[in-house]
N, C-alpha and C. Protein backbone atom coordinates (compact mmCIF):
# COMPACT_ATOMS: atom_id res chain seq x y z
N MET A 1 142.63 -66.17 24.73
CA MET A 1 142.50 -67.36 23.91
C MET A 1 142.07 -66.77 22.49
N ALA A 2 142.49 -67.41 21.23
CA ALA A 2 142.18 -67.23 20.01
C ALA A 2 140.67 -67.28 19.36
N ILE A 3 140.00 -66.36 18.68
CA ILE A 3 138.77 -66.40 18.14
C ILE A 3 138.98 -67.50 16.87
N GLN A 4 138.05 -68.42 17.19
CA GLN A 4 137.90 -69.10 15.81
C GLN A 4 136.40 -69.63 16.28
N ASN A 5 135.65 -69.42 14.94
CA ASN A 5 134.36 -69.91 14.64
C ASN A 5 134.25 -70.10 13.17
N GLN A 6 132.87 -70.53 12.54
CA GLN A 6 132.78 -70.38 11.27
C GLN A 6 132.82 -69.28 10.40
N ASN A 7 132.83 -67.93 11.13
CA ASN A 7 132.99 -66.78 10.57
C ASN A 7 134.20 -66.03 10.75
N LEU A 8 134.98 -66.36 12.07
CA LEU A 8 135.96 -65.54 12.00
C LEU A 8 137.27 -66.45 12.64
N ALA A 9 138.57 -66.00 12.30
CA ALA A 9 139.61 -66.46 12.84
C ALA A 9 140.53 -65.44 13.26
N THR A 10 141.44 -65.54 14.12
CA THR A 10 142.43 -64.53 14.39
C THR A 10 143.69 -64.98 14.27
N LEU A 11 144.58 -63.83 13.65
CA LEU A 11 145.86 -64.04 13.20
C LEU A 11 146.76 -63.15 13.77
N VAL A 12 147.84 -63.45 14.43
CA VAL A 12 148.87 -62.39 15.12
C VAL A 12 149.97 -62.11 13.88
N CYS A 13 150.21 -61.09 13.67
CA CYS A 13 151.31 -60.82 12.48
C CYS A 13 152.45 -61.05 13.30
N ALA A 14 153.15 -61.65 12.35
CA ALA A 14 154.63 -62.16 12.91
C ALA A 14 155.74 -60.77 12.75
N ASN A 15 155.06 -59.59 12.03
CA ASN A 15 156.02 -58.54 11.77
C ASN A 15 155.87 -57.56 12.79
N CYS A 16 154.58 -57.26 13.26
CA CYS A 16 154.31 -56.11 14.07
C CYS A 16 153.51 -56.66 15.63
N GLN A 17 153.04 -57.89 15.47
CA GLN A 17 152.31 -58.27 16.84
C GLN A 17 151.06 -58.05 16.91
N ALA A 18 150.74 -57.41 16.03
CA ALA A 18 149.24 -56.83 15.85
C ALA A 18 148.02 -58.22 15.86
N VAL A 19 147.02 -58.22 16.57
CA VAL A 19 145.97 -59.31 16.46
C VAL A 19 144.90 -58.71 15.35
N ASN A 20 145.08 -59.81 14.48
CA ASN A 20 144.05 -59.61 13.18
C ASN A 20 142.82 -60.80 13.43
N ARG A 21 141.68 -60.05 12.78
CA ARG A 21 140.45 -61.09 12.55
C ARG A 21 140.33 -61.14 11.31
N PHE A 22 139.90 -62.23 10.61
CA PHE A 22 139.73 -62.53 8.98
C PHE A 22 138.51 -63.43 8.93
N PRO A 23 137.64 -63.41 8.07
CA PRO A 23 136.74 -64.36 7.84
C PRO A 23 137.55 -65.88 7.45
N ALA A 24 137.12 -66.76 8.38
CA ALA A 24 137.66 -68.19 8.27
C ALA A 24 137.92 -68.73 6.83
N GLN A 25 136.84 -68.36 5.89
CA GLN A 25 136.70 -68.85 4.60
C GLN A 25 137.52 -68.07 3.75
N ARG A 26 138.20 -67.13 4.02
CA ARG A 26 139.21 -66.26 3.45
C ARG A 26 140.51 -66.25 3.75
N LEU A 27 140.93 -67.40 4.66
CA LEU A 27 142.50 -67.23 5.21
C LEU A 27 143.23 -67.88 3.62
N GLY A 28 142.74 -68.38 2.92
CA GLY A 28 143.63 -68.68 1.46
C GLY A 28 143.90 -67.65 1.02
N ASP A 29 143.14 -66.48 1.00
CA ASP A 29 143.55 -65.26 -0.09
C ASP A 29 144.42 -64.55 0.32
N SER A 30 145.46 -64.74 1.00
CA SER A 30 146.84 -64.11 1.38
C SER A 30 146.38 -62.81 1.86
N PRO A 31 145.77 -63.17 3.32
CA PRO A 31 145.56 -61.77 4.12
C PRO A 31 146.77 -61.18 4.47
N VAL A 32 146.48 -59.65 4.87
CA VAL A 32 147.62 -58.97 5.19
C VAL A 32 147.17 -57.96 6.60
N CYS A 33 148.35 -57.80 7.22
CA CYS A 33 148.01 -57.04 8.50
C CYS A 33 147.07 -55.96 8.31
N GLY A 34 146.35 -55.60 8.99
CA GLY A 34 145.42 -54.36 9.04
C GLY A 34 146.52 -52.99 9.78
N GLN A 35 147.31 -53.55 10.44
CA GLN A 35 148.37 -52.39 10.97
C GLN A 35 149.66 -52.08 10.07
N CYS A 36 150.43 -53.24 9.56
CA CYS A 36 151.57 -52.92 8.78
C CYS A 36 151.42 -53.41 7.34
N LYS A 37 150.36 -53.79 7.05
CA LYS A 37 150.32 -54.33 5.53
C LYS A 37 150.97 -55.58 5.45
N GLN A 38 151.94 -56.32 6.21
CA GLN A 38 152.61 -57.40 5.85
C GLN A 38 151.83 -58.51 5.56
N LEU A 39 152.02 -59.46 4.93
CA LEU A 39 151.41 -60.79 4.78
C LEU A 39 151.39 -61.55 5.97
N LEU A 40 150.23 -62.12 6.26
CA LEU A 40 149.75 -62.90 7.76
C LEU A 40 150.22 -64.23 7.54
N LEU A 41 150.15 -64.68 6.32
CA LEU A 41 150.51 -66.50 6.08
C LEU A 41 151.57 -66.38 5.32
N SER A 42 152.95 -66.62 5.86
CA SER A 42 154.26 -66.76 5.16
C SER A 42 154.17 -68.08 4.37
N ASP A 43 154.97 -68.08 3.27
CA ASP A 43 155.46 -69.54 2.78
C ASP A 43 156.60 -69.73 3.06
N HIS A 44 157.04 -69.15 4.33
CA HIS A 44 158.39 -69.39 4.74
C HIS A 44 157.95 -69.58 6.48
N PRO A 45 158.67 -70.49 7.35
CA PRO A 45 158.60 -70.32 8.76
C PRO A 45 158.65 -68.97 9.44
N ILE A 46 157.84 -68.64 10.19
CA ILE A 46 158.13 -67.48 10.97
C ILE A 46 159.12 -67.78 11.96
N ASN A 47 159.73 -66.62 12.56
CA ASN A 47 160.74 -66.60 13.64
C ASN A 47 159.99 -66.04 14.81
N LEU A 48 160.12 -66.80 16.15
CA LEU A 48 159.30 -66.14 17.09
C LEU A 48 160.79 -66.17 18.03
N THR A 49 160.46 -65.10 19.11
CA THR A 49 161.62 -65.18 20.10
C THR A 49 160.97 -65.04 21.72
N ASP A 50 161.82 -64.91 22.63
CA ASP A 50 160.90 -64.79 24.02
C ASP A 50 159.90 -63.79 23.95
N GLY A 51 160.00 -62.50 23.36
CA GLY A 51 158.98 -61.56 23.29
C GLY A 51 157.77 -62.07 22.53
N THR A 52 157.80 -62.58 21.87
CA THR A 52 156.93 -62.85 20.67
C THR A 52 156.17 -64.31 20.71
N PHE A 53 156.58 -65.11 21.61
CA PHE A 53 156.36 -66.70 21.38
C PHE A 53 154.75 -66.90 21.97
N HIS A 54 154.73 -66.10 23.12
CA HIS A 54 153.29 -66.47 23.75
C HIS A 54 152.24 -65.88 23.24
N ARG A 55 152.37 -64.63 22.76
CA ARG A 55 151.33 -63.79 22.11
C ARG A 55 150.88 -64.39 20.82
N PHE A 56 151.96 -64.64 20.05
CA PHE A 56 151.56 -65.55 18.76
C PHE A 56 150.92 -66.73 19.14
N ILE A 57 151.56 -67.53 19.97
CA ILE A 57 151.01 -69.09 19.99
C ILE A 57 149.64 -68.73 20.77
N SER A 58 149.17 -68.03 21.56
CA SER A 58 147.87 -67.98 22.51
C SER A 58 146.76 -67.15 21.55
N ARG A 59 147.18 -66.23 20.87
CA ARG A 59 146.22 -65.52 19.94
C ARG A 59 145.88 -65.88 18.87
N THR A 60 146.75 -66.80 17.68
CA THR A 60 146.66 -67.22 16.58
C THR A 60 145.39 -68.47 16.51
N ALA A 61 144.29 -68.12 15.75
CA ALA A 61 143.36 -69.50 15.71
C ALA A 61 144.00 -70.49 15.04
N ILE A 62 144.90 -70.46 14.23
CA ILE A 62 145.54 -71.75 13.39
C ILE A 62 146.50 -72.41 14.30
N PRO A 63 146.43 -73.66 13.85
CA PRO A 63 147.41 -74.78 14.63
C PRO A 63 148.86 -74.03 14.25
N VAL A 64 150.00 -73.92 15.27
CA VAL A 64 151.21 -73.45 15.02
C VAL A 64 152.18 -74.65 15.51
N LEU A 65 153.14 -75.33 14.43
CA LEU A 65 153.90 -75.97 14.62
C LEU A 65 155.27 -75.41 15.06
N VAL A 66 155.99 -75.92 15.88
CA VAL A 66 157.21 -74.94 16.23
C VAL A 66 158.43 -76.05 16.07
N ASP A 67 159.19 -75.23 15.48
CA ASP A 67 160.67 -76.22 15.63
C ASP A 67 161.84 -75.52 16.21
N PHE A 68 162.17 -76.10 17.42
CA PHE A 68 163.16 -75.40 18.25
C PHE A 68 164.42 -75.82 17.78
N TRP A 69 165.31 -75.01 17.40
CA TRP A 69 166.66 -75.26 16.82
C TRP A 69 167.67 -74.36 17.22
N ALA A 70 169.13 -74.81 17.13
CA ALA A 70 170.24 -73.96 17.34
C ALA A 70 170.95 -74.18 16.13
N PRO A 71 171.85 -72.92 15.88
CA PRO A 71 172.62 -72.66 14.84
C PRO A 71 173.93 -73.93 14.91
N TRP A 72 174.18 -74.19 16.10
CA TRP A 72 175.30 -75.64 16.10
C TRP A 72 174.63 -77.01 16.08
N CYS A 73 173.41 -77.03 15.81
CA CYS A 73 172.81 -78.46 15.72
C CYS A 73 172.64 -78.82 14.05
N GLY A 74 173.49 -79.88 14.16
CA GLY A 74 173.83 -80.73 12.95
C GLY A 74 172.22 -81.16 12.39
N PRO A 75 171.53 -81.94 13.15
CA PRO A 75 170.32 -82.49 12.57
C PRO A 75 169.21 -81.32 12.51
N CYS A 76 169.21 -79.94 13.33
CA CYS A 76 168.12 -78.86 12.87
C CYS A 76 168.84 -78.35 11.70
N LYS A 77 169.98 -78.45 11.27
CA LYS A 77 170.52 -77.70 9.77
C LYS A 77 169.59 -78.56 8.91
N MET A 78 170.00 -80.10 8.99
CA MET A 78 169.50 -81.03 8.04
C MET A 78 167.92 -80.94 7.73
N MET A 79 167.35 -80.65 8.75
CA MET A 79 165.82 -80.75 8.92
C MET A 79 165.33 -79.37 8.28
N ALA A 80 165.94 -78.50 8.53
CA ALA A 80 165.57 -77.04 7.90
C ALA A 80 164.86 -76.84 6.42
N PRO A 81 165.35 -77.50 5.46
CA PRO A 81 164.83 -77.59 4.17
C PRO A 81 163.49 -78.17 4.34
N ALA A 82 163.52 -79.18 4.89
CA ALA A 82 162.03 -80.05 4.68
C ALA A 82 161.05 -79.12 5.62
N PHE A 83 161.33 -78.38 6.60
CA PHE A 83 160.65 -77.69 7.27
C PHE A 83 160.03 -76.60 6.58
N GLU A 84 161.12 -76.05 5.46
CA GLU A 84 160.58 -74.78 5.07
C GLU A 84 159.52 -75.11 3.60
N GLN A 85 159.96 -76.28 3.35
CA GLN A 85 158.74 -76.90 2.06
C GLN A 85 157.45 -77.30 2.97
N ALA A 86 157.57 -77.97 4.00
CA ALA A 86 156.25 -78.14 4.71
C ALA A 86 155.29 -76.76 4.79
N THR A 87 156.05 -75.85 4.91
CA THR A 87 155.50 -74.52 5.28
C THR A 87 154.62 -74.11 3.90
N ARG A 88 155.22 -74.46 2.98
CA ARG A 88 154.49 -74.00 1.63
C ARG A 88 153.35 -75.03 1.39
N MET A 89 153.51 -76.17 1.81
CA MET A 89 152.37 -77.53 1.50
C MET A 89 151.30 -77.25 2.90
N LEU A 90 151.58 -76.70 3.77
CA LEU A 90 150.61 -76.68 4.88
C LEU A 90 149.71 -75.22 5.23
N SER A 91 150.35 -74.26 4.40
CA SER A 91 149.31 -73.00 4.83
C SER A 91 148.47 -72.90 3.84
N PRO A 92 147.17 -72.44 4.16
CA PRO A 92 147.17 -71.83 5.54
C PRO A 92 146.26 -72.59 6.64
N ARG A 93 146.51 -74.19 6.59
CA ARG A 93 145.59 -74.78 7.60
C ARG A 93 146.42 -74.76 8.93
N VAL A 94 147.90 -74.68 8.72
CA VAL A 94 149.12 -74.96 9.56
C VAL A 94 150.03 -73.80 9.52
N ILE A 95 150.39 -72.73 10.72
CA ILE A 95 151.32 -71.98 10.51
C ILE A 95 152.95 -72.79 11.15
N LEU A 96 153.86 -72.88 10.33
CA LEU A 96 155.05 -73.28 11.02
C LEU A 96 155.81 -72.11 11.16
N ALA A 97 156.67 -72.35 12.50
CA ALA A 97 157.56 -71.29 13.44
C ALA A 97 158.65 -71.83 13.74
N LYS A 98 159.67 -71.38 13.88
CA LYS A 98 160.91 -71.67 14.35
C LYS A 98 161.49 -70.84 15.37
N VAL A 99 161.84 -71.28 16.49
CA VAL A 99 162.46 -70.76 17.50
C VAL A 99 164.01 -71.15 18.08
N ASN A 100 165.07 -70.13 17.70
CA ASN A 100 166.24 -70.48 18.07
C ASN A 100 166.40 -70.27 19.16
N THR A 101 166.90 -71.58 19.89
CA THR A 101 167.13 -71.50 21.30
C THR A 101 168.46 -71.00 21.96
N GLU A 102 168.97 -70.46 20.98
CA GLU A 102 170.26 -69.56 21.53
C GLU A 102 169.86 -67.85 21.66
N VAL A 103 168.58 -67.59 20.78
CA VAL A 103 168.18 -66.44 20.76
C VAL A 103 167.02 -66.34 21.86
N ALA A 104 166.31 -67.06 21.98
CA ALA A 104 165.26 -67.41 22.89
C ALA A 104 165.14 -68.52 24.14
N PRO A 105 166.20 -68.23 25.00
CA PRO A 105 166.64 -69.04 25.79
C PRO A 105 165.40 -69.17 27.16
N GLN A 106 164.59 -68.38 27.42
CA GLN A 106 163.38 -68.49 28.12
C GLN A 106 162.39 -69.35 27.68
N VAL A 107 162.00 -69.57 26.34
CA VAL A 107 161.05 -70.03 25.80
C VAL A 107 161.67 -71.97 25.88
N ALA A 108 162.80 -71.70 25.37
CA ALA A 108 163.58 -73.09 25.27
C ALA A 108 163.58 -73.75 26.47
N ARG A 109 163.67 -72.89 27.74
CA ARG A 109 163.79 -73.48 29.09
C ARG A 109 162.47 -74.00 29.63
N GLU A 110 161.19 -73.03 29.34
CA GLU A 110 159.93 -73.37 29.53
C GLU A 110 159.57 -74.60 29.14
N PHE A 111 160.16 -74.92 27.73
CA PHE A 111 159.92 -76.34 27.29
C PHE A 111 160.72 -77.58 27.48
N SER A 112 161.63 -77.27 28.29
CA SER A 112 162.84 -78.17 28.47
C SER A 112 163.64 -78.73 27.52
N ILE A 113 163.92 -77.62 26.42
CA ILE A 113 164.61 -78.00 25.31
C ILE A 113 166.11 -77.99 25.60
N GLN A 114 166.83 -79.02 25.54
CA GLN A 114 168.17 -79.15 25.75
C GLN A 114 169.22 -79.40 24.62
N SER A 115 170.42 -79.82 24.83
CA SER A 115 170.99 -80.21 23.74
C SER A 115 170.76 -81.83 23.24
């Protein structure tokens, strides 16, 4: 379970999957991963896969809003720019993530995502 109290919040790096702890009051200061030095809070949605989804969701203390999409889905393509804009508006309070159901069929099946 993710740690979050008045002092610390955990963030999983979308790049290397390292779990990082940061002072909660400094999440707006563009924290970087202690292992790979990449930004932990992006202004773009992060991509999750079958291999990264559960670790990221279970170990990140900030709420994560997930968009399940497919490349052939017209409404998904129409929604993408608004989802991208929402990422910039909601960070660092909420992390927005995308799961391509064609690339991550196991996660899609787990959440009963269908056409």
